[in-house]
Amino acid sequence: MVQLKPNNHAASELKAERERDKVQAMRDYQAEKLAHHANMMRLRALRLAKESSEAQATTAPRLATKKLAIRSRGQLRKSS
Protein backbone atom coordinates (compact mmCIF):
# COMPACT_ATOMS: atom_id res chain seq x y z
CA MET A 1 0.00 0.00 0.00
CA VAL A 2 1.38 3.37 -1.03
CA GLN A 3 0.57 6.40 1.10
CA LEU A 4 0.60 9.82 -0.49
CA LYS A 5 1.96 12.77 1.42
CA PRO A 6 -0.71 15.32 2.18
CA ASN A 7 -0.30 18.74 0.62
CA ASN A 8 1.46 20.81 3.26
CA HIS A 9 1.52 23.93 1.13
CA ALA A 10 -1.57 25.44 2.78
CA ALA A 11 -0.31 24.58 6.24
CA SER A 12 3.09 26.15 5.60
CA GLU A 13 1.43 29.30 4.25
CA LEU A 14 -0.72 29.51 7.35
CA LYS A 15 2.33 29.02 9.57
CA ALA A 16 4.27 31.72 7.71
CA GLU A 17 1.32 34.12 8.01
CA ARG A 18 1.12 33.51 11.75
CA GLU A 19 4.84 34.15 12.06
CA ARG A 20 4.49 37.47 10.19
CA ASP A 21 1.57 38.41 12.43
CA LYS A 22 3.63 37.57 15.51
CA VAL A 23 6.54 39.73 14.33
CA GLN A 24 4.20 42.63 13.47
CA ALA A 25 2.45 42.38 16.83
CA MET A 26 5.80 42.55 18.62
CA ARG A 27 6.82 45.61 16.56
CA ASP A 28 3.51 47.31 17.38
CA TYR A 29 3.92 46.50 21.08
CA GLN A 30 7.47 47.85 21.19
CA ALA A 31 6.51 51.02 19.28
CA GLU A 32 3.62 51.64 21.67
CA LYS A 33 5.86 51.04 24.67
CA LEU A 34 8.48 53.45 23.30
CA ALA A 35 5.84 56.13 22.61
CA HIS A 36 4.43 55.71 26.12
CA HIS A 37 7.90 56.03 27.64
CA ALA A 38 8.68 59.16 25.57
CA ASN A 39 5.40 60.76 26.62
CA MET A 40 6.06 59.90 30.26
CA MET A 41 9.52 61.49 30.08
CA ARG A 42 8.08 64.62 28.42
CA LEU A 43 5.43 64.99 31.12
CA ARG A 44 8.01 64.39 33.86
CA ALA A 45 10.22 67.14 32.45
CA LEU A 46 7.27 69.54 32.33
CA ARG A 47 6.30 68.68 35.92
CA LEU A 48 9.84 69.16 37.20
CA ALA A 49 10.15 72.50 35.40
CA LYS A 50 6.84 73.64 36.88
CA GLU A 51 7.81 72.53 40.38
CA SER A 52 11.17 74.26 40.05
CA SER A 53 9.62 77.55 38.96
CA GLU A 54 7.04 77.34 41.74
CA ALA A 55 9.76 76.66 44.30
CA GLN A 56 11.76 79.65 43.08
CA ALA A 57 8.67 81.85 43.15
CA THR A 58 7.93 80.97 46.77
CA THR A 59 11.57 81.10 47.94
CA ALA A 60 12.32 84.64 46.71
CA PRO A 61 9.54 86.40 48.71
CA ARG A 62 10.45 84.43 51.83
CA LEU A 63 14.09 85.50 51.61
CA ALA A 64 13.13 89.13 51.00
CA THR A 65 10.77 89.06 53.98
CA LYS A 66 13.41 87.44 56.18
CA LYS A 67 16.07 90.00 55.20
CA LEU A 68 13.62 92.84 55.82
CA ALA A 69 12.80 91.47 59.25
CA ILE A 70 16.47 91.13 60.14
CA ARG A 71 17.25 94.66 58.87
CA SER A 72 14.40 96.12 60.89
CA ARG A 73 15.95 94.61 64.01
CA GLY A 74 19.35 96.05 63.04
CA GLN A 75 21.05 92.68 62.86
CA LEU A 76 22.03 92.68 59.19
CA ARG A 77 25.11 94.66 58.24
CA LYS A 78 25.47 96.03 54.77
CA SER A 79 28.67 94.85 53.18
CA SER A 80 30.86 97.52 51.68
C-alpha atoms as a PDB file:
ATOM      1  CA  MET A   1       0.000   0.000   0.000  1.00  0.00           C
ATOM      2  CA  VAL A   2       1.376   3.371  -1.025  1.00  0.00           C
ATOM      3  CA  GLN A   3       0.573   6.401   1.103  1.00  0.00           C
ATOM      4  CA  LEU A   4       0.599   9.824  -0.490  1.00  0.00           C
ATOM      5  CA  LYS A   5       1.958  12.769   1.422  1.00  0.00           C
ATOM      6  CA  PRO A   6      -0.711  15.316   2.182  1.00  0.00           C
ATOM      7  CA  ASN A   7      -0.304  18.744   0.617  1.00  0.00           C
ATOM      8  CA  ASN A   8       1.457  20.811   3.262  1.00  0.00           C
ATOM      9  CA  HIS A   9       1.520  23.931   1.126  1.00  0.00           C
ATOM     10  CA  ALA A  10      -1.574  25.443   2.781  1.00  0.00           C
ATOM     11  CA  ALA A  11      -0.307  24.576   6.245  1.00  0.00           C
ATOM     12  CA  SER A  12       3.087  26.145   5.595  1.00  0.00           C
ATOM     13  CA  GLU A  13       1.428  29.304   4.252  1.00  0.00           C
ATOM     14  CA  LEU A  14      -0.716  29.510   7.355  1.00  0.00           C
ATOM     15  CA  LYS A  15       2.334  29.016   9.572  1.00  0.00           C
ATOM     16  CA  ALA A  16       4.267  31.722   7.707  1.00  0.00           C
ATOM     17  CA  GLU A  17       1.324  34.117   8.009  1.00  0.00           C
ATOM     18  CA  ARG A  18       1.117  33.505  11.754  1.00  0.00           C
ATOM     19  CA  GLU A  19       4.843  34.147  12.063  1.00  0.00           C
ATOM     20  CA  ARG A  20       4.492  37.466  10.188  1.00  0.00           C
ATOM     21  CA  ASP A  21       1.572  38.415  12.432  1.00  0.00           C
ATOM     22  CA  LYS A  22       3.634  37.571  15.510  1.00  0.00           C
ATOM     23  CA  VAL A  23       6.536  39.735  14.331  1.00  0.00           C
ATOM     24  CA  GLN A  24       4.204  42.627  13.471  1.00  0.00           C
ATOM     25  CA  ALA A  25       2.445  42.379  16.833  1.00  0.00           C
ATOM     26  CA  MET A  26       5.802  42.551  18.617  1.00  0.00           C
ATOM     27  CA  ARG A  27       6.817  45.608  16.564  1.00  0.00           C
ATOM     28  CA  ASP A  28       3.514  47.312  17.382  1.00  0.00           C
ATOM     29  CA  TYR A  29       3.924  46.503  21.077  1.00  0.00           C
ATOM     30  CA  GLN A  30       7.475  47.848  21.187  1.00  0.00           C
ATOM     31  CA  ALA A  31       6.511  51.024  19.282  1.00  0.00           C
ATOM     32  CA  GLU A  32       3.621  51.641  21.671  1.00  0.00           C
ATOM     33  CA  LYS A  33       5.863  51.036  24.666  1.00  0.00           C
ATOM     34  CA  LEU A  34       8.476  53.451  23.301  1.00  0.00           C
ATOM     35  CA  ALA A  35       5.840  56.125  22.607  1.00  0.00           C
ATOM     36  CA  HIS A  36       4.434  55.707  26.122  1.00  0.00           C
ATOM     37  CA  HIS A  37       7.904  56.029  27.639  1.00  0.00           C
ATOM     38  CA  ALA A  38       8.678  59.158  25.572  1.00  0.00           C
ATOM     39  CA  ASN A  39       5.396  60.761  26.617  1.00  0.00           C
ATOM     40  CA  MET A  40       6.063  59.899  30.257  1.00  0.00           C
ATOM     41  CA  MET A  41       9.518  61.494  30.083  1.00  0.00           C
ATOM     42  CA  ARG A  42       8.082  64.621  28.423  1.00  0.00           C
ATOM     43  CA  LEU A  43       5.434  64.987  31.116  1.00  0.00           C
ATOM     44  CA  ARG A  44       8.005  64.387  33.859  1.00  0.00           C
ATOM     45  CA  ALA A  45      10.217  67.143  32.449  1.00  0.00           C
ATOM     46  CA  LEU A  46       7.270  69.535  32.330  1.00  0.00           C
ATOM     47  CA  ARG A  47       6.296  68.676  35.918  1.00  0.00           C
ATOM     48  CA  LEU A  48       9.839  69.159  37.195  1.00  0.00           C
ATOM     49  CA  ALA A  49      10.155  72.502  35.401  1.00  0.00           C
ATOM     50  CA  LYS A  50       6.843  73.639  36.879  1.00  0.00           C
ATOM     51  CA  GLU A  51       7.810  72.531  40.384  1.00  0.00           C
ATOM     52  CA  SER A  52      11.172  74.264  40.049  1.00  0.00           C
ATOM     53  CA  SER A  53       9.621  77.546  38.958  1.00  0.00           C
ATOM     54  CA  GLU A  54       7.035  77.336  41.742  1.00  0.00           C
ATOM     55  CA  ALA A  55       9.757  76.664  44.297  1.00  0.00           C
ATOM     56  CA  GLN A  56      11.756  79.653  43.085  1.00  0.00           C
ATOM     57  CA  ALA A  57       8.670  81.848  43.152  1.00  0.00           C
ATOM     58  CA  THR A  58       7.933  80.968  46.772  1.00  0.00           C
ATOM     59  CA  THR A  59      11.566  81.102  47.943  1.00  0.00           C
ATOM     60  CA  ALA A  60      12.323  84.638  46.707  1.00  0.00           C
ATOM     61  CA  PRO A  61       9.541  86.400  48.706  1.00  0.00           C
ATOM     62  CA  ARG A  62      10.455  84.434  51.830  1.00  0.00           C
ATOM     63  CA  LEU A  63      14.093  85.505  51.608  1.00  0.00           C
ATOM     64  CA  ALA A  64      13.125  89.133  50.999  1.00  0.00           C
ATOM     65  CA  THR A  65      10.774  89.061  53.982  1.00  0.00           C
ATOM     66  CA  LYS A  66      13.409  87.439  56.176  1.00  0.00           C
ATOM     67  CA  LYS A  67      16.066  90.005  55.197  1.00  0.00           C
ATOM     68  CA  LEU A  68      13.624  92.842  55.817  1.00  0.00           C
ATOM     69  CA  ALA A  69      12.799  91.473  59.249  1.00  0.00           C
ATOM     70  CA  ILE A  70      16.474  91.131  60.136  1.00  0.00           C
ATOM     71  CA  ARG A  71      17.251  94.656  58.874  1.00  0.00           C
ATOM     72  CA  SER A  72      14.402  96.124  60.886  1.00  0.00           C
ATOM     73  CA  ARG A  73      15.948  94.613  64.010  1.00  0.00           C
ATOM     74  CA  GLY A  74      19.348  96.052  63.045  1.00  0.00           C
ATOM     75  CA  GLN A  75      21.049  92.676  62.855  1.00  0.00           C
ATOM     76  CA  LEU A  76      22.030  92.677  59.190  1.00  0.00           C
ATOM     77  CA  ARG A  77      25.109  94.661  58.236  1.00  0.00           C
ATOM     78  CA  LYS A  78      25.466  96.026  54.769  1.00  0.00           C
ATOM     79  CA  SER A  79      28.672  94.845  53.179  1.00  0.00           C
ATOM     80  CA  SER A  80      30.862  97.524  51.678  1.00  0.00           C
END
